[in-house]
Amino acid sequence: MEDPADVRMPASGAARKILVVDDQPAIRSLLGRMLARSGYAMVEAASAREAYAAIQRLHGEIVLAIIDMIMPGASGLDLASELGRDFPRIRILYMSGCRDSLAMDVIARRSPEAVLLKPFTYAELTVRLETLLAAGPEAGDPQVPKP
């Protein structure tokens, strides 16, 4: 099992850290390459438990979490709820391959910029990241919309 604190630094040096939470190594690898291309450092986690441990260990360094909604164990929504409660300054980008999900529909209606549907392009990812990070935690938008 991979260490959830495996940080891939881009060639340009220090960068803002983004947590990628997905149980599929290929998705984490793809996102890692895309994030490095944009100048971000990636912290990987294969589960909600690993993600929470990584955030506790790197408290204050992770600015955004890209969370897959469907994972074994705790769901992405469960993880986002915990993060919103315990680490409210971390922005959340909800990722899913399920387009017909009630949770994703609710999130998309309330915060369309916080939704990334698989498959996605590099351009879609970077627009979402820039929008969410520009909003900052003081924007007041809910991290976990209530249905």
N, C-alpha and C. Protein backbone atom coordinates (compact mmCIF):
# COMPACT_ATOMS: atom_id res chain seq x y z
N MET A 1 0.85 -1.19 0.00
CA MET A 1 0.00 0.00 0.00
C MET A 1 0.88 1.24 0.00
N GLU A 2 0.47 2.22 -0.77
CA GLU A 2 1.24 3.45 -0.88
C GLU A 2 1.10 4.31 0.37
N ASP A 3 2.17 5.06 0.65
CA ASP A 3 2.13 6.01 1.75
C ASP A 3 1.27 7.19 1.32
N PRO A 4 0.20 7.54 2.08
CA PRO A 4 -0.66 8.65 1.67
C PRO A 4 0.04 9.99 1.66
N ALA A 5 1.21 10.08 2.24
CA ALA A 5 1.93 11.35 2.26
C ALA A 5 2.96 11.42 1.14
N ASP A 6 2.84 10.53 0.14
CA ASP A 6 3.74 10.54 -1.01
C ASP A 6 3.51 11.81 -1.80
N VAL A 7 4.41 12.78 -1.64
CA VAL A 7 4.24 14.07 -2.29
C VAL A 7 5.09 14.09 -3.56
N ARG A 8 4.46 14.41 -4.68
CA ARG A 8 5.18 14.55 -5.94
C ARG A 8 5.34 16.03 -6.21
N MET A 9 6.55 16.51 -6.11
CA MET A 9 6.81 17.93 -6.31
C MET A 9 7.06 18.21 -7.78
N PRO A 10 6.47 19.26 -8.32
CA PRO A 10 6.74 19.63 -9.71
C PRO A 10 8.16 20.16 -9.85
N ALA A 11 8.66 20.17 -11.07
CA ALA A 11 10.03 20.59 -11.33
C ALA A 11 10.30 22.02 -10.86
N SER A 12 9.27 22.84 -10.81
CA SER A 12 9.46 24.24 -10.44
C SER A 12 9.75 24.46 -8.96
N GLY A 13 9.68 23.43 -8.14
CA GLY A 13 9.97 23.58 -6.71
C GLY A 13 8.72 23.53 -5.87
N ALA A 14 8.74 24.27 -4.78
CA ALA A 14 7.63 24.26 -3.83
C ALA A 14 6.33 24.67 -4.51
N ALA A 15 5.26 24.00 -4.13
CA ALA A 15 3.95 24.28 -4.73
C ALA A 15 2.87 24.03 -3.69
N ARG A 16 1.67 24.52 -4.00
CA ARG A 16 0.54 24.24 -3.12
C ARG A 16 0.21 22.75 -3.23
N LYS A 17 -0.12 22.16 -2.09
CA LYS A 17 -0.39 20.72 -2.05
C LYS A 17 -1.87 20.42 -2.22
N ILE A 18 -2.13 19.44 -3.05
CA ILE A 18 -3.49 18.98 -3.30
C ILE A 18 -3.57 17.50 -2.97
N LEU A 19 -4.54 17.15 -2.17
CA LEU A 19 -4.77 15.76 -1.80
C LEU A 19 -5.67 15.12 -2.85
N VAL A 20 -5.26 13.98 -3.37
CA VAL A 20 -6.06 13.21 -4.32
C VAL A 20 -6.47 11.92 -3.63
N VAL A 21 -7.79 11.73 -3.50
CA VAL A 21 -8.32 10.56 -2.81
C VAL A 21 -9.12 9.74 -3.82
N ASP A 22 -8.57 8.59 -4.20
CA ASP A 22 -9.23 7.68 -5.13
C ASP A 22 -8.66 6.30 -4.90
N ASP A 23 -9.52 5.28 -4.92
CA ASP A 23 -9.05 3.92 -4.70
C ASP A 23 -8.38 3.32 -5.93
N GLN A 24 -8.42 3.99 -7.07
CA GLN A 24 -7.82 3.48 -8.30
C GLN A 24 -6.45 4.13 -8.53
N PRO A 25 -5.38 3.34 -8.48
CA PRO A 25 -4.03 3.89 -8.67
C PRO A 25 -3.87 4.61 -10.01
N ALA A 26 -4.51 4.13 -11.08
CA ALA A 26 -4.38 4.77 -12.39
C ALA A 26 -4.94 6.20 -12.37
N ILE A 27 -6.04 6.39 -11.67
CA ILE A 27 -6.64 7.74 -11.57
C ILE A 27 -5.71 8.65 -10.78
N ARG A 28 -5.17 8.14 -9.66
CA ARG A 28 -4.24 8.96 -8.87
C ARG A 28 -3.01 9.32 -9.69
N SER A 29 -2.50 8.39 -10.47
CA SER A 29 -1.33 8.64 -11.30
C SER A 29 -1.62 9.70 -12.36
N LEU A 30 -2.75 9.57 -13.03
CA LEU A 30 -3.15 10.55 -14.04
C LEU A 30 -3.29 11.94 -13.43
N LEU A 31 -3.98 12.01 -12.29
CA LEU A 31 -4.13 13.31 -11.63
C LEU A 31 -2.79 13.86 -11.18
N GLY A 32 -1.90 13.00 -10.74
CA GLY A 32 -0.57 13.44 -10.33
C GLY A 32 0.17 14.11 -11.47
N ARG A 33 0.10 13.52 -12.66
CA ARG A 33 0.76 14.12 -13.82
C ARG A 33 0.11 15.46 -14.19
N MET A 34 -1.22 15.50 -14.15
CA MET A 34 -1.93 16.75 -14.48
C MET A 34 -1.61 17.85 -13.47
N LEU A 35 -1.60 17.49 -12.19
CA LEU A 35 -1.31 18.49 -11.16
C LEU A 35 0.12 19.00 -11.26
N ALA A 36 1.06 18.10 -11.50
CA ALA A 36 2.46 18.51 -11.64
C ALA A 36 2.61 19.46 -12.83
N ARG A 37 1.91 19.17 -13.90
CA ARG A 37 1.95 20.03 -15.10
C ARG A 37 1.45 21.45 -14.77
N SER A 38 0.53 21.54 -13.81
CA SER A 38 -0.01 22.85 -13.41
C SER A 38 0.77 23.48 -12.26
N GLY A 39 1.80 22.80 -11.78
CA GLY A 39 2.64 23.37 -10.73
C GLY A 39 2.21 23.05 -9.31
N TYR A 40 1.31 22.07 -9.15
CA TYR A 40 0.87 21.66 -7.82
C TYR A 40 1.63 20.42 -7.36
N ALA A 41 1.71 20.25 -6.06
CA ALA A 41 2.26 19.03 -5.47
C ALA A 41 1.09 18.15 -5.07
N MET A 42 1.23 16.85 -5.29
CA MET A 42 0.14 15.93 -4.97
C MET A 42 0.47 15.09 -3.75
N VAL A 43 -0.53 14.93 -2.91
CA VAL A 43 -0.49 13.99 -1.80
C VAL A 43 -1.54 12.94 -2.14
N GLU A 44 -1.17 11.67 -2.10
CA GLU A 44 -2.07 10.60 -2.51
C GLU A 44 -2.68 9.87 -1.32
N ALA A 45 -3.92 9.41 -1.52
CA ALA A 45 -4.57 8.53 -0.55
C ALA A 45 -5.51 7.61 -1.31
N ALA A 46 -5.52 6.33 -0.93
CA ALA A 46 -6.36 5.34 -1.61
C ALA A 46 -7.69 5.14 -0.90
N SER A 47 -7.87 5.78 0.24
CA SER A 47 -9.12 5.61 1.00
C SER A 47 -9.36 6.86 1.85
N ALA A 48 -10.57 6.94 2.37
CA ALA A 48 -10.91 8.06 3.26
C ALA A 48 -10.04 8.04 4.51
N ARG A 49 -9.79 6.86 5.04
CA ARG A 49 -8.96 6.73 6.25
C ARG A 49 -7.55 7.25 5.99
N GLU A 50 -6.95 6.85 4.86
CA GLU A 50 -5.61 7.33 4.52
C GLU A 50 -5.61 8.84 4.29
N ALA A 51 -6.66 9.34 3.66
CA ALA A 51 -6.76 10.77 3.39
C ALA A 51 -6.80 11.57 4.68
N TYR A 52 -7.62 11.13 5.61
CA TYR A 52 -7.75 11.86 6.87
C TYR A 52 -6.41 11.85 7.62
N ALA A 53 -5.72 10.71 7.61
CA ALA A 53 -4.42 10.62 8.27
C ALA A 53 -3.41 11.56 7.61
N ALA A 54 -3.43 11.64 6.29
CA ALA A 54 -2.50 12.53 5.58
C ALA A 54 -2.78 13.99 5.92
N ILE A 55 -4.04 14.35 6.00
CA ILE A 55 -4.38 15.74 6.32
C ILE A 55 -3.99 16.07 7.76
N GLN A 56 -4.17 15.14 8.66
CA GLN A 56 -3.74 15.39 10.04
C GLN A 56 -2.23 15.59 10.10
N ARG A 57 -1.50 14.78 9.34
CA ARG A 57 -0.04 14.86 9.34
C ARG A 57 0.44 16.15 8.66
N LEU A 58 -0.26 16.59 7.63
CA LEU A 58 0.16 17.76 6.85
C LEU A 58 -0.75 18.95 7.10
N HIS A 59 -1.31 19.04 8.28
CA HIS A 59 -2.26 20.10 8.62
C HIS A 59 -1.71 21.47 8.23
N GLY A 60 -2.52 22.21 7.51
CA GLY A 60 -2.14 23.55 7.10
C GLY A 60 -1.42 23.62 5.77
N GLU A 61 -0.95 22.47 5.25
CA GLU A 61 -0.22 22.47 3.98
C GLU A 61 -1.12 22.13 2.80
N ILE A 62 -2.13 21.32 3.02
CA ILE A 62 -3.03 20.91 1.93
C ILE A 62 -4.10 21.98 1.76
N VAL A 63 -4.22 22.50 0.54
CA VAL A 63 -5.17 23.58 0.28
C VAL A 63 -6.47 23.09 -0.34
N LEU A 64 -6.43 21.91 -0.97
CA LEU A 64 -7.60 21.40 -1.67
C LEU A 64 -7.54 19.88 -1.71
N ALA A 65 -8.71 19.25 -1.65
CA ALA A 65 -8.80 17.79 -1.76
C ALA A 65 -9.70 17.45 -2.95
N ILE A 66 -9.19 16.59 -3.81
CA ILE A 66 -9.98 16.03 -4.90
C ILE A 66 -10.42 14.66 -4.42
N ILE A 67 -11.72 14.49 -4.22
CA ILE A 67 -12.23 13.29 -3.56
C ILE A 67 -13.17 12.52 -4.49
N ASP A 68 -12.84 11.25 -4.74
CA ASP A 68 -13.74 10.38 -5.49
C ASP A 68 -14.93 10.07 -4.60
N MET A 69 -16.11 10.13 -5.17
CA MET A 69 -17.33 9.93 -4.38
C MET A 69 -17.57 8.48 -4.00
N ILE A 70 -17.16 7.53 -4.83
CA ILE A 70 -17.44 6.12 -4.56
C ILE A 70 -16.13 5.39 -4.32
N MET A 71 -15.94 4.98 -3.05
CA MET A 71 -14.75 4.24 -2.65
C MET A 71 -15.17 3.18 -1.65
N PRO A 72 -14.37 2.12 -1.53
CA PRO A 72 -14.67 1.14 -0.48
C PRO A 72 -14.55 1.79 0.90
N GLY A 73 -15.34 1.34 1.83
CA GLY A 73 -15.31 1.93 3.17
C GLY A 73 -16.13 3.20 3.18
N ALA A 74 -15.59 4.25 3.74
CA ALA A 74 -16.29 5.53 3.81
C ALA A 74 -16.37 6.15 2.42
N SER A 75 -17.50 6.75 2.11
CA SER A 75 -17.68 7.39 0.80
C SER A 75 -16.96 8.73 0.76
N GLY A 76 -16.84 9.27 -0.44
CA GLY A 76 -16.26 10.59 -0.60
C GLY A 76 -17.06 11.66 0.12
N LEU A 77 -18.37 11.50 0.13
CA LEU A 77 -19.23 12.46 0.83
C LEU A 77 -18.99 12.41 2.34
N ASP A 78 -18.80 11.19 2.87
CA ASP A 78 -18.48 11.04 4.30
C ASP A 78 -17.16 11.75 4.63
N LEU A 79 -16.15 11.52 3.78
CA LEU A 79 -14.85 12.15 4.00
C LEU A 79 -14.98 13.67 3.91
N ALA A 80 -15.67 14.17 2.90
CA ALA A 80 -15.84 15.61 2.75
C ALA A 80 -16.53 16.22 3.95
N SER A 81 -17.49 15.51 4.50
CA SER A 81 -18.19 15.99 5.68
C SER A 81 -17.24 16.11 6.87
N GLU A 82 -16.40 15.08 7.07
CA GLU A 82 -15.43 15.12 8.16
C GLU A 82 -14.43 16.26 7.96
N LEU A 83 -13.95 16.40 6.73
CA LEU A 83 -12.98 17.47 6.46
C LEU A 83 -13.60 18.84 6.65
N GLY A 84 -14.84 19.00 6.20
CA GLY A 84 -15.52 20.27 6.37
C GLY A 84 -15.68 20.65 7.83
N ARG A 85 -15.90 19.64 8.65
CA ARG A 85 -16.06 19.87 10.09
C ARG A 85 -14.72 20.16 10.77
N ASP A 86 -13.69 19.36 10.45
CA ASP A 86 -12.42 19.44 11.17
C ASP A 86 -11.38 20.35 10.52
N PHE A 87 -11.48 20.53 9.20
CA PHE A 87 -10.50 21.34 8.46
C PHE A 87 -11.24 22.23 7.46
N PRO A 88 -12.02 23.18 7.93
CA PRO A 88 -12.91 23.95 7.04
C PRO A 88 -12.18 24.81 5.99
N ARG A 89 -10.89 25.03 6.13
CA ARG A 89 -10.17 25.85 5.15
C ARG A 89 -9.77 25.07 3.90
N ILE A 90 -9.88 23.75 3.93
CA ILE A 90 -9.52 22.94 2.77
C ILE A 90 -10.69 22.95 1.78
N ARG A 91 -10.41 23.33 0.54
CA ARG A 91 -11.41 23.32 -0.51
C ARG A 91 -11.64 21.88 -0.96
N ILE A 92 -12.83 21.56 -1.45
CA ILE A 92 -13.17 20.21 -1.88
C ILE A 92 -13.60 20.23 -3.35
N LEU A 93 -13.02 19.31 -4.14
CA LEU A 93 -13.45 19.07 -5.51
C LEU A 93 -13.96 17.63 -5.56
N TYR A 94 -15.26 17.48 -5.77
CA TYR A 94 -15.92 16.17 -5.79
C TYR A 94 -15.76 15.56 -7.17
N MET A 95 -15.25 14.33 -7.23
CA MET A 95 -14.99 13.66 -8.49
C MET A 95 -15.81 12.37 -8.55
N SER A 96 -16.42 12.12 -9.71
CA SER A 96 -17.22 10.90 -9.85
C SER A 96 -17.37 10.52 -11.31
N GLY A 97 -17.50 9.23 -11.53
CA GLY A 97 -17.82 8.72 -12.86
C GLY A 97 -19.30 8.44 -12.99
N CYS A 98 -20.02 8.62 -11.91
CA CYS A 98 -21.47 8.35 -11.88
C CYS A 98 -22.22 9.66 -12.11
N ARG A 99 -22.76 9.82 -13.29
CA ARG A 99 -23.44 11.06 -13.65
C ARG A 99 -24.87 11.13 -13.11
N ASP A 100 -25.42 10.00 -12.70
CA ASP A 100 -26.81 9.96 -12.24
C ASP A 100 -26.94 9.85 -10.73
N SER A 101 -25.98 10.36 -10.01
CA SER A 101 -25.97 10.30 -8.55
C SER A 101 -26.75 11.48 -7.96
N LEU A 102 -27.60 11.20 -7.01
CA LEU A 102 -28.36 12.26 -6.34
C LEU A 102 -27.42 13.22 -5.63
N ALA A 103 -26.41 12.68 -4.95
CA ALA A 103 -25.46 13.55 -4.24
C ALA A 103 -24.72 14.47 -5.21
N MET A 104 -24.25 13.94 -6.32
CA MET A 104 -23.53 14.76 -7.29
C MET A 104 -24.47 15.79 -7.92
N ASP A 105 -25.72 15.42 -8.12
CA ASP A 105 -26.69 16.36 -8.67
C ASP A 105 -26.90 17.54 -7.72
N VAL A 106 -27.03 17.25 -6.44
CA VAL A 106 -27.23 18.31 -5.44
C VAL A 106 -25.99 19.22 -5.38
N ILE A 107 -24.82 18.61 -5.35
CA ILE A 107 -23.58 19.40 -5.30
C ILE A 107 -23.45 20.26 -6.56
N ALA A 108 -23.73 19.66 -7.72
CA ALA A 108 -23.61 20.39 -8.99
C ALA A 108 -24.57 21.57 -9.07
N ARG A 109 -25.77 21.42 -8.50
CA ARG A 109 -26.72 22.54 -8.53
C ARG A 109 -26.28 23.67 -7.61
N ARG A 110 -25.67 23.34 -6.49
CA ARG A 110 -25.28 24.36 -5.52
C ARG A 110 -23.89 24.93 -5.77
N SER A 111 -22.98 24.09 -6.25
CA SER A 111 -21.59 24.53 -6.50
C SER A 111 -21.04 23.80 -7.72
N PRO A 112 -21.47 24.19 -8.92
CA PRO A 112 -21.02 23.46 -10.11
C PRO A 112 -19.51 23.42 -10.27
N GLU A 113 -18.83 24.44 -9.78
CA GLU A 113 -17.37 24.47 -9.88
C GLU A 113 -16.70 23.41 -9.00
N ALA A 114 -17.44 22.82 -8.08
CA ALA A 114 -16.89 21.82 -7.16
C ALA A 114 -17.10 20.40 -7.65
N VAL A 115 -17.53 20.23 -8.91
CA VAL A 115 -17.82 18.90 -9.46
C VAL A 115 -16.90 18.63 -10.65
N LEU A 116 -16.28 17.46 -10.64
CA LEU A 116 -15.44 17.01 -11.74
C LEU A 116 -15.91 15.62 -12.14
N LEU A 117 -16.53 15.51 -13.31
CA LEU A 117 -17.06 14.22 -13.76
C LEU A 117 -16.03 13.50 -14.63
N LYS A 118 -15.85 12.20 -14.33
CA LYS A 118 -14.97 11.36 -15.13
C LYS A 118 -15.73 10.90 -16.37
N PRO A 119 -15.08 10.83 -17.51
CA PRO A 119 -13.72 11.28 -17.78
C PRO A 119 -13.68 12.80 -17.92
N PHE A 120 -12.56 13.38 -17.56
CA PHE A 120 -12.40 14.83 -17.62
C PHE A 120 -11.13 15.17 -18.37
N THR A 121 -11.04 16.41 -18.79
CA THR A 121 -9.85 16.87 -19.50
C THR A 121 -8.95 17.67 -18.56
N TYR A 122 -7.74 17.87 -19.00
CA TYR A 122 -6.81 18.71 -18.25
C TYR A 122 -7.38 20.11 -18.07
N ALA A 123 -7.99 20.64 -19.11
CA ALA A 123 -8.58 21.98 -19.05
C ALA A 123 -9.70 22.05 -18.01
N GLU A 124 -10.56 21.03 -17.99
CA GLU A 124 -11.64 21.01 -17.00
C GLU A 124 -11.09 20.99 -15.58
N LEU A 125 -10.07 20.17 -15.36
CA LEU A 125 -9.45 20.10 -14.03
C LEU A 125 -8.86 21.44 -13.63
N THR A 126 -8.09 22.05 -14.50
CA THR A 126 -7.43 23.30 -14.12
C THR A 126 -8.42 24.43 -13.88
N VAL A 127 -9.49 24.48 -14.66
CA VAL A 127 -10.51 25.51 -14.42
C VAL A 127 -11.14 25.32 -13.05
N ARG A 128 -11.47 24.09 -12.69
CA ARG A 128 -12.09 23.82 -11.38
C ARG A 128 -11.13 24.20 -10.25
N LEU A 129 -9.86 23.80 -10.39
CA LEU A 129 -8.89 24.12 -9.35
C LEU A 129 -8.73 25.62 -9.18
N GLU A 130 -8.56 26.33 -10.28
CA GLU A 130 -8.37 27.78 -10.21
C GLU A 130 -9.59 28.47 -9.59
N THR A 131 -10.78 28.01 -9.97
CA THR A 131 -12.00 28.62 -9.44
C THR A 131 -12.13 28.37 -7.94
N LEU A 132 -11.93 27.13 -7.53
CA LEU A 132 -12.07 26.80 -6.10
C LEU A 132 -11.00 27.47 -5.25
N LEU A 133 -9.78 27.50 -5.74
CA LEU A 133 -8.71 28.11 -4.95
C LEU A 133 -8.82 29.63 -4.93
N ALA A 134 -9.34 30.21 -5.98
CA ALA A 134 -9.54 31.66 -5.99
C ALA A 134 -10.64 32.08 -5.03
N ALA A 135 -11.65 31.20 -4.85
CA ALA A 135 -12.76 31.52 -3.95
C ALA A 135 -12.29 31.61 -2.51
N GLY A 136 -11.33 30.76 -2.13
CA GLY A 136 -10.82 30.78 -0.76
C GLY A 136 -11.86 30.33 0.24
N PRO A 137 -11.41 29.97 1.43
CA PRO A 137 -12.32 29.48 2.46
C PRO A 137 -13.29 30.52 2.99
N GLU A 138 -12.96 31.79 2.79
CA GLU A 138 -13.83 32.84 3.30
C GLU A 138 -15.03 33.07 2.40
N ALA A 139 -15.09 32.38 1.26
CA ALA A 139 -16.20 32.59 0.32
C ALA A 139 -17.54 32.18 0.90
N GLY A 140 -17.51 31.30 1.88
CA GLY A 140 -18.74 30.95 2.57
C GLY A 140 -19.59 29.89 1.89
N ASP A 141 -19.12 29.34 0.75
CA ASP A 141 -19.92 28.31 0.11
C ASP A 141 -19.80 27.01 0.89
N PRO A 142 -20.86 26.26 1.00
CA PRO A 142 -20.82 25.04 1.79
C PRO A 142 -19.94 23.99 1.13
N GLN A 143 -19.12 23.32 1.93
CA GLN A 143 -18.27 22.26 1.41
C GLN A 143 -19.06 20.99 1.17
N VAL A 144 -20.05 20.73 1.97
CA VAL A 144 -20.87 19.55 1.80
C VAL A 144 -22.32 20.01 1.75
N PRO A 145 -22.83 20.25 0.53
CA PRO A 145 -24.22 20.71 0.42
C PRO A 145 -25.18 19.69 0.99
N LYS A 146 -26.19 20.15 1.64
CA LYS A 146 -27.23 19.28 2.20
C LYS A 146 -28.31 19.08 1.14
N PRO A 147 -28.70 17.80 0.90
CA PRO A 147 -29.75 17.57 -0.10
C PRO A 147 -31.08 18.18 0.29
